Amino acid sequence: MAGLGVGVTFRAGLFNIGAQGQAVWGAIGAAYVGFTWHLPPVVHLLVAVAVGLVLGAVWGALAGFLKAK
């Protein structure tokens, strides 16, 4: 997903140097959900991936918001 984020920004004519941070925060969020929440297996996987995507997006949005301001 971090690679897709970099590809989208390049296509838009921008430069994303925060892809590594987005991947790290996404991994932290997915690992937290994976190790601490108790859900059925399929739901657990989907929720962990969704949380990872959201945390990575929040980290990238923070930089995007600061650049826009």
PDB file of N, CA and C in Angstrom:
ATOM      1  N   MET A   1       0.818  -1.187   0.000  1.00  0.00           N
ATOM      2  CA  MET A   1       0.000   0.000   0.000  1.00  0.00           C
ATOM      3  C   MET A   1       0.866   1.258   0.000  1.00  0.00           C
ATOM      4  N   ALA A   2       2.012   1.205   0.657  1.00  0.00           N
ATOM      5  CA  ALA A   2       2.897   2.379   0.652  1.00  0.00           C
ATOM      6  C   ALA A   2       3.388   2.658  -0.764  1.00  0.00           C
ATOM      7  N   GLY A   3       3.664   1.614  -1.507  1.00  0.00           N
ATOM      8  CA  GLY A   3       4.077   1.787  -2.898  1.00  0.00           C
ATOM      9  C   GLY A   3       2.987   2.410  -3.744  1.00  0.00           C
ATOM     10  N   LEU A   4       1.745   2.028  -3.516  1.00  0.00           N
ATOM     11  CA  LEU A   4       0.638   2.646  -4.238  1.00  0.00           C
ATOM     12  C   LEU A   4       0.511   4.124  -3.873  1.00  0.00           C
ATOM     13  N   GLY A   5       0.735   4.442  -2.609  1.00  0.00           N
ATOM     14  CA  GLY A   5       0.682   5.842  -2.191  1.00  0.00           C
ATOM     15  C   GLY A   5       1.748   6.676  -2.871  1.00  0.00           C
ATOM     16  N   VAL A   6       2.955   6.126  -2.997  1.00  0.00           N
ATOM     17  CA  VAL A   6       4.028   6.842  -3.684  1.00  0.00           C
ATOM     18  C   VAL A   6       3.699   6.992  -5.162  1.00  0.00           C
ATOM     19  N   GLY A   7       3.143   5.945  -5.762  1.00  0.00           N
ATOM     20  CA  GLY A   7       2.774   6.016  -7.173  1.00  0.00           C
ATOM     21  C   GLY A   7       1.712   7.056  -7.460  1.00  0.00           C
ATOM     22  N   VAL A   8       0.733   7.161  -6.582  1.00  0.00           N
ATOM     23  CA  VAL A   8      -0.331   8.156  -6.762  1.00  0.00           C
ATOM     24  C   VAL A   8       0.238   9.565  -6.658  1.00  0.00           C
ATOM     25  N   THR A   9       1.127   9.782  -5.689  1.00  0.00           N
ATOM     26  CA  THR A   9       1.682  11.132  -5.544  1.00  0.00           C
ATOM     27  C   THR A   9       2.580  11.492  -6.720  1.00  0.00           C
ATOM     28  N   PHE A  10       3.356  10.548  -7.225  1.00  0.00           N
ATOM     29  CA  PHE A  10       4.176  10.830  -8.407  1.00  0.00           C
ATOM     30  C   PHE A  10       3.293  11.156  -9.603  1.00  0.00           C
ATOM     31  N   ARG A  11       2.200  10.416  -9.747  1.00  0.00           N
ATOM     32  CA  ARG A  11       1.283  10.651 -10.862  1.00  0.00           C
ATOM     33  C   ARG A  11       0.645  12.037 -10.764  1.00  0.00           C
ATOM     34  N   ALA A  12       0.448  12.514  -9.543  1.00  0.00           N
ATOM     35  CA  ALA A  12      -0.136  13.835  -9.337  1.00  0.00           C
ATOM     36  C   ALA A  12       0.897  14.952  -9.452  1.00  0.00           C
ATOM     37  N   GLY A  13       2.148  14.588  -9.688  1.00  0.00           N
ATOM     38  CA  GLY A  13       3.190  15.591  -9.830  1.00  0.00           C
ATOM     39  C   GLY A  13       3.789  16.044  -8.516  1.00  0.00           C
ATOM     40  N   LEU A  14       3.595  15.258  -7.465  1.00  0.00           N
ATOM     41  CA  LEU A  14       4.132  15.600  -6.150  1.00  0.00           C
ATOM     42  C   LEU A  14       5.204  14.589  -5.773  1.00  0.00           C
ATOM     43  N   PHE A  15       5.826  14.793  -4.618  1.00  0.00           N
ATOM     44  CA  PHE A  15       6.854  13.882  -4.143  1.00  0.00           C
ATOM     45  C   PHE A  15       6.523  13.481  -2.714  1.00  0.00           C
ATOM     46  N   ASN A  16       6.405  12.196  -2.460  1.00  0.00           N
ATOM     47  CA  ASN A  16       6.044  11.690  -1.135  1.00  0.00           C
ATOM     48  C   ASN A  16       7.279  11.085  -0.490  1.00  0.00           C
ATOM     49  N   ILE A  17       7.833  11.777   0.502  1.00  0.00           N
ATOM     50  CA  ILE A  17       8.992  11.228   1.198  1.00  0.00           C
ATOM     51  C   ILE A  17       8.585  10.535   2.494  1.00  0.00           C
ATOM     52  N   GLY A  18       7.294  10.461   2.772  1.00  0.00           N
ATOM     53  CA  GLY A  18       6.825   9.884   4.021  1.00  0.00           C
ATOM     54  C   GLY A  18       6.326   8.465   3.913  1.00  0.00           C
ATOM     55  N   ALA A  19       6.611   7.783   2.812  1.00  0.00           N
ATOM     56  CA  ALA A  19       6.081   6.432   2.627  1.00  0.00           C
ATOM     57  C   ALA A  19       6.613   5.464   3.676  1.00  0.00           C
ATOM     58  N   GLN A  20       7.856   5.633   4.086  1.00  0.00           N
ATOM     59  CA  GLN A  20       8.400   4.736   5.098  1.00  0.00           C
ATOM     60  C   GLN A  20       7.680   4.942   6.439  1.00  0.00           C
ATOM     61  N   GLY A  21       7.424   6.163   6.801  1.00  0.00           N
ATOM     62  CA  GLY A  21       6.685   6.436   8.028  1.00  0.00           C
ATOM     63  C   GLY A  21       5.266   5.914   7.968  1.00  0.00           C
ATOM     64  N   GLN A  22       4.638   6.031   6.809  1.00  0.00           N
ATOM     65  CA  GLN A  22       3.286   5.515   6.644  1.00  0.00           C
ATOM     66  C   GLN A  22       3.281   3.996   6.800  1.00  0.00           C
ATOM     67  N   ALA A  23       4.266   3.331   6.233  1.00  0.00           N
ATOM     68  CA  ALA A  23       4.352   1.873   6.362  1.00  0.00           C
ATOM     69  C   ALA A  23       4.611   1.461   7.809  1.00  0.00           C
ATOM     70  N   VAL A  24       5.461   2.211   8.503  1.00  0.00           N
ATOM     71  CA  VAL A  24       5.763   1.892   9.899  1.00  0.00           C
ATOM     72  C   VAL A  24       4.521   2.065  10.772  1.00  0.00           C
ATOM     73  N   TRP A  25       3.826   3.190  10.633  1.00  0.00           N
ATOM     74  CA  TRP A  25       2.633   3.402  11.452  1.00  0.00           C
ATOM     75  C   TRP A  25       1.534   2.409  11.105  1.00  0.00           C
ATOM     76  N   GLY A  26       1.424   2.065   9.843  1.00  0.00           N
ATOM     77  CA  GLY A  26       0.459   1.039   9.449  1.00  0.00           C
ATOM     78  C   GLY A  26       0.790  -0.308  10.069  1.00  0.00           C
ATOM     79  N   ALA A  27       2.064  -0.659  10.098  1.00  0.00           N
ATOM     80  CA  ALA A  27       2.484  -1.924  10.702  1.00  0.00           C
ATOM     81  C   ALA A  27       2.253  -1.908  12.209  1.00  0.00           C
ATOM     82  N   ILE A  28       2.502  -0.778  12.848  1.00  0.00           N
ATOM     83  CA  ILE A  28       2.266  -0.676  14.289  1.00  0.00           C
ATOM     84  C   ILE A  28       0.778  -0.873  14.599  1.00  0.00           C
ATOM     85  N   GLY A  29      -0.075  -0.223  13.823  1.00  0.00           N
ATOM     86  CA  GLY A  29      -1.516  -0.368  14.048  1.00  0.00           C
ATOM     87  C   GLY A  29      -2.012  -1.780  13.796  1.00  0.00           C
ATOM     88  N   ALA A  30      -1.551  -2.392  12.713  1.00  0.00           N
ATOM     89  CA  ALA A  30      -1.978  -3.754  12.408  1.00  0.00           C
ATOM     90  C   ALA A  30      -1.452  -4.741  13.449  1.00  0.00           C
ATOM     91  N   ALA A  31      -0.234  -4.534  13.910  1.00  0.00           N
ATOM     92  CA  ALA A  31       0.326  -5.418  14.938  1.00  0.00           C
ATOM     93  C   ALA A  31      -0.426  -5.269  16.255  1.00  0.00           C
ATOM     94  N   TYR A  32      -0.779  -4.046  16.604  1.00  0.00           N
ATOM     95  CA  TYR A  32      -1.545  -3.834  17.835  1.00  0.00           C
ATOM     96  C   TYR A  32      -2.869  -4.590  17.783  1.00  0.00           C
ATOM     97  N   VAL A  33      -3.583  -4.424  16.682  1.00  0.00           N
ATOM     98  CA  VAL A  33      -4.862  -5.126  16.535  1.00  0.00           C
ATOM     99  C   VAL A  33      -4.645  -6.632  16.520  1.00  0.00           C
ATOM    100  N   GLY A  34      -3.620  -7.076  15.824  1.00  0.00           N
ATOM    101  CA  GLY A  34      -3.362  -8.510  15.709  1.00  0.00           C
ATOM    102  C   GLY A  34      -3.033  -9.179  17.028  1.00  0.00           C
ATOM    103  N   PHE A  35      -2.350  -8.465  17.908  1.00  0.00           N
ATOM    104  CA  PHE A  35      -1.926  -9.077  19.156  1.00  0.00           C
ATOM    105  C   PHE A  35      -2.858  -8.842  20.333  1.00  0.00           C
ATOM    106  N   THR A  36      -3.680  -7.800  20.278  1.00  0.00           N
ATOM    107  CA  THR A  36      -4.477  -7.475  21.465  1.00  0.00           C
ATOM    108  C   THR A  36      -5.969  -7.710  21.309  1.00  0.00           C
ATOM    109  N   TRP A  37      -6.494  -7.633  20.123  1.00  0.00           N
ATOM    110  CA  TRP A  37      -7.934  -7.822  19.940  1.00  0.00           C
ATOM    111  C   TRP A  37      -8.229  -9.298  19.726  1.00  0.00           C
ATOM    112  N   HIS A  38      -9.382  -9.733  20.184  1.00  0.00           N
ATOM    113  CA  HIS A  38      -9.801 -11.127  20.038  1.00  0.00           C
ATOM    114  C   HIS A  38     -11.066 -11.157  19.185  1.00  0.00           C
ATOM    115  N   LEU A  39     -10.868 -11.477  17.914  1.00  0.00           N
ATOM    116  CA  LEU A  39     -11.958 -11.515  16.950  1.00  0.00           C
ATOM    117  C   LEU A  39     -11.909 -12.835  16.191  1.00  0.00           C
ATOM    118  N   PRO A  40     -12.967 -13.195  15.479  1.00  0.00           N
ATOM    119  CA  PRO A  40     -12.917 -14.371  14.606  1.00  0.00           C
ATOM    120  C   PRO A  40     -11.822 -14.185  13.547  1.00  0.00           C
ATOM    121  N   PRO A  41     -11.203 -15.265  13.073  1.00  0.00           N
ATOM    122  CA  PRO A  41     -10.013 -15.164  12.209  1.00  0.00           C
ATOM    123  C   PRO A  41     -10.167 -14.273  10.979  1.00  0.00           C
ATOM    124  N   VAL A  42     -11.209 -14.434  10.202  1.00  0.00           N
ATOM    125  CA  VAL A  42     -11.347 -13.651   8.969  1.00  0.00           C
ATOM    126  C   VAL A  42     -11.595 -12.177   9.293  1.00  0.00           C
ATOM    127  N   VAL A  43     -12.443 -11.924  10.261  1.00  0.00           N
ATOM    128  CA  VAL A  43     -12.725 -10.553  10.667  1.00  0.00           C
ATOM    129  C   VAL A  43     -11.472  -9.909  11.248  1.00  0.00           C
ATOM    130  N   HIS A  44     -10.707 -10.693  12.001  1.00  0.00           N
ATOM    131  CA  HIS A  44      -9.481 -10.190  12.618  1.00  0.00           C
ATOM    132  C   HIS A  44      -8.501  -9.695  11.556  1.00  0.00           C
ATOM    133  N   LEU A  45      -8.332 -10.463  10.511  1.00  0.00           N
ATOM    134  CA  LEU A  45      -7.440 -10.071   9.426  1.00  0.00           C
ATOM    135  C   LEU A  45      -7.917  -8.797   8.738  1.00  0.00           C
ATOM    136  N   LEU A  46      -9.183  -8.728   8.442  1.00  0.00           N
ATOM    137  CA  LEU A  46      -9.730  -7.553   7.769  1.00  0.00           C
ATOM    138  C   LEU A  46      -9.629  -6.302   8.638  1.00  0.00           C
ATOM    139  N   VAL A  47      -9.899  -6.433   9.918  1.00  0.00           N
ATOM    140  CA  VAL A  47      -9.823  -5.282  10.826  1.00  0.00           C
ATOM    141  C   VAL A  47      -8.374  -4.828  10.984  1.00  0.00           C
ATOM    142  N   ALA A  48      -7.444  -5.774  11.104  1.00  0.00           N
ATOM    143  CA  ALA A  48      -6.029  -5.409  11.248  1.00  0.00           C
ATOM    144  C   ALA A  48      -5.533  -4.668  10.011  1.00  0.00           C
ATOM    145  N   VAL A  49      -5.894  -5.138   8.841  1.00  0.00           N
ATOM    146  CA  VAL A  49      -5.484  -4.462   7.608  1.00  0.00           C
ATOM    147  C   VAL A  49      -6.122  -3.079   7.526  1.00  0.00           C
ATOM    148  N   ALA A  50      -7.393  -2.983   7.877  1.00  0.00           N
ATOM    149  CA  ALA A  50      -8.080  -1.686   7.824  1.00  0.00           C
ATOM    150  C   ALA A  50      -7.453  -0.686   8.792  1.00  0.00           C
ATOM    151  N   VAL A  51      -7.121  -1.126   9.996  1.00  0.00           N
ATOM    152  CA  VAL A  51      -6.498  -0.223  10.969  1.00  0.00           C
ATOM    153  C   VAL A  51      -5.126   0.217  10.471  1.00  0.00           C
ATOM    154  N   GLY A  52      -4.373  -0.711   9.887  1.00  0.00           N
ATOM    155  CA  GLY A  52      -3.074  -0.352   9.326  1.00  0.00           C
ATOM    156  C   GLY A  52      -3.192   0.680   8.219  1.00  0.00           C
ATOM    157  N   LEU A  53      -4.167   0.502   7.346  1.00  0.00           N
ATOM    158  CA  LEU A  53      -4.381   1.461   6.267  1.00  0.00           C
ATOM    159  C   LEU A  53      -4.788   2.836   6.810  1.00  0.00           C
ATOM    160  N   VAL A  54      -5.650   2.838   7.802  1.00  0.00           N
ATOM    161  CA  VAL A  54      -6.113   4.110   8.361  1.00  0.00           C
ATOM    162  C   VAL A  54      -4.965   4.852   9.047  1.00  0.00           C
ATOM    163  N   LEU A  55      -4.151   4.155   9.838  1.00  0.00           N
ATOM    164  CA  LEU A  55      -3.046   4.836  10.512  1.00  0.00           C
ATOM    165  C   LEU A  55      -2.018   5.362   9.515  1.00  0.00           C
ATOM    166  N   GLY A  56      -1.728   4.598   8.478  1.00  0.00           N
ATOM    167  CA  GLY A  56      -0.825   5.089   7.442  1.00  0.00           C
ATOM    168  C   GLY A  56      -1.399   6.291   6.725  1.00  0.00           C
ATOM    169  N   ALA A  57      -2.696   6.268   6.463  1.00  0.00           N
ATOM    170  CA  ALA A  57      -3.339   7.400   5.790  1.00  0.00           C
ATOM    171  C   ALA A  57      -3.350   8.641   6.674  1.00  0.00           C
ATOM    172  N   VAL A  58      -3.561   8.453   7.965  1.00  0.00           N
ATOM    173  CA  VAL A  58      -3.545   9.596   8.885  1.00  0.00           C
ATOM    174  C   VAL A  58      -2.156  10.222   8.919  1.00  0.00           C
ATOM    175  N   TRP A  59      -1.130   9.382   8.956  1.00  0.00           N
ATOM    176  CA  TRP A  59       0.244   9.903   8.977  1.00  0.00           C
ATOM    177  C   TRP A  59       0.544  10.675   7.687  1.00  0.00           C
ATOM    178  N   GLY A  60       0.115  10.154   6.556  1.00  0.00           N
ATOM    179  CA  GLY A  60       0.318  10.857   5.288  1.00  0.00           C
ATOM    180  C   GLY A  60      -0.527  12.107   5.183  1.00  0.00           C
ATOM    181  N   ALA A  61      -1.754  12.079   5.722  1.00  0.00           N
ATOM    182  CA  ALA A  61      -2.617  13.251   5.677  1.00  0.00           C
ATOM    183  C   ALA A  61      -2.062  14.385   6.519  1.00  0.00           C
ATOM    184  N   LEU A  62      -1.404  14.050   7.601  1.00  0.00           N
ATOM    185  CA  LEU A  62      -0.803  15.079   8.429  1.00  0.00           C
ATOM    186  C   LEU A  62       0.244  15.879   7.640  1.00  0.00           C
ATOM    187  N   ALA A  63       1.103  15.186   6.922  1.00  0.00           N
ATOM    188  CA  ALA A  63       2.101  15.861   6.102  1.00  0.00           C
ATOM    189  C   ALA A  63       1.435  16.628   4.958  1.00  0.00           C
ATOM    190  N   GLY A  64       0.420  16.057   4.350  1.00  0.00           N
ATOM    191  CA  GLY A  64      -0.293  16.732   3.277  1.00  0.00           C
ATOM    192  C   GLY A  64      -0.991  17.994   3.753  1.00  0.00           C
ATOM    193  N   PHE A  65      -1.582  17.933   4.932  1.00  0.00           N
ATOM    194  CA  PHE A  65      -2.244  19.103   5.493  1.00  0.00           C
ATOM    195  C   PHE A  65      -1.220  20.210   5.774  1.00  0.00           C
ATOM    196  N   LEU A  66      -0.098  19.831   6.345  1.00  0.00           N
ATOM    197  CA  LEU A  66       0.933  20.830   6.636  1.00  0.00           C
ATOM    198  C   LEU A  66       1.501  21.463   5.362  1.00  0.00           C
ATOM    199  N   LYS A  67       1.648  20.653   4.310  1.00  0.00           N
ATOM    200  CA  LYS A  67       2.142  21.197   3.051  1.00  0.00           C
ATOM    201  C   LYS A  67       1.118  22.145   2.428  1.00  0.00           C
ATOM    202  N   ALA A  68      -0.160  21.805   2.549  1.00  0.00           N
ATOM    203  CA  ALA A  68      -1.205  22.647   1.980  1.00  0.00           C
ATOM    204  C   ALA A  68      -1.326  23.989   2.705  1.00  0.00           C
ATOM    205  N   LYS A  69      -1.054  23.994   3.987  1.00  0.00           N
ATOM    206  CA  LYS A  69      -1.138  25.238   4.750  1.00  0.00           C
ATOM    207  C   LYS A  69       0.128  26.025   4.560  1.00  0.00           C
TER     208      LYS A  69
END
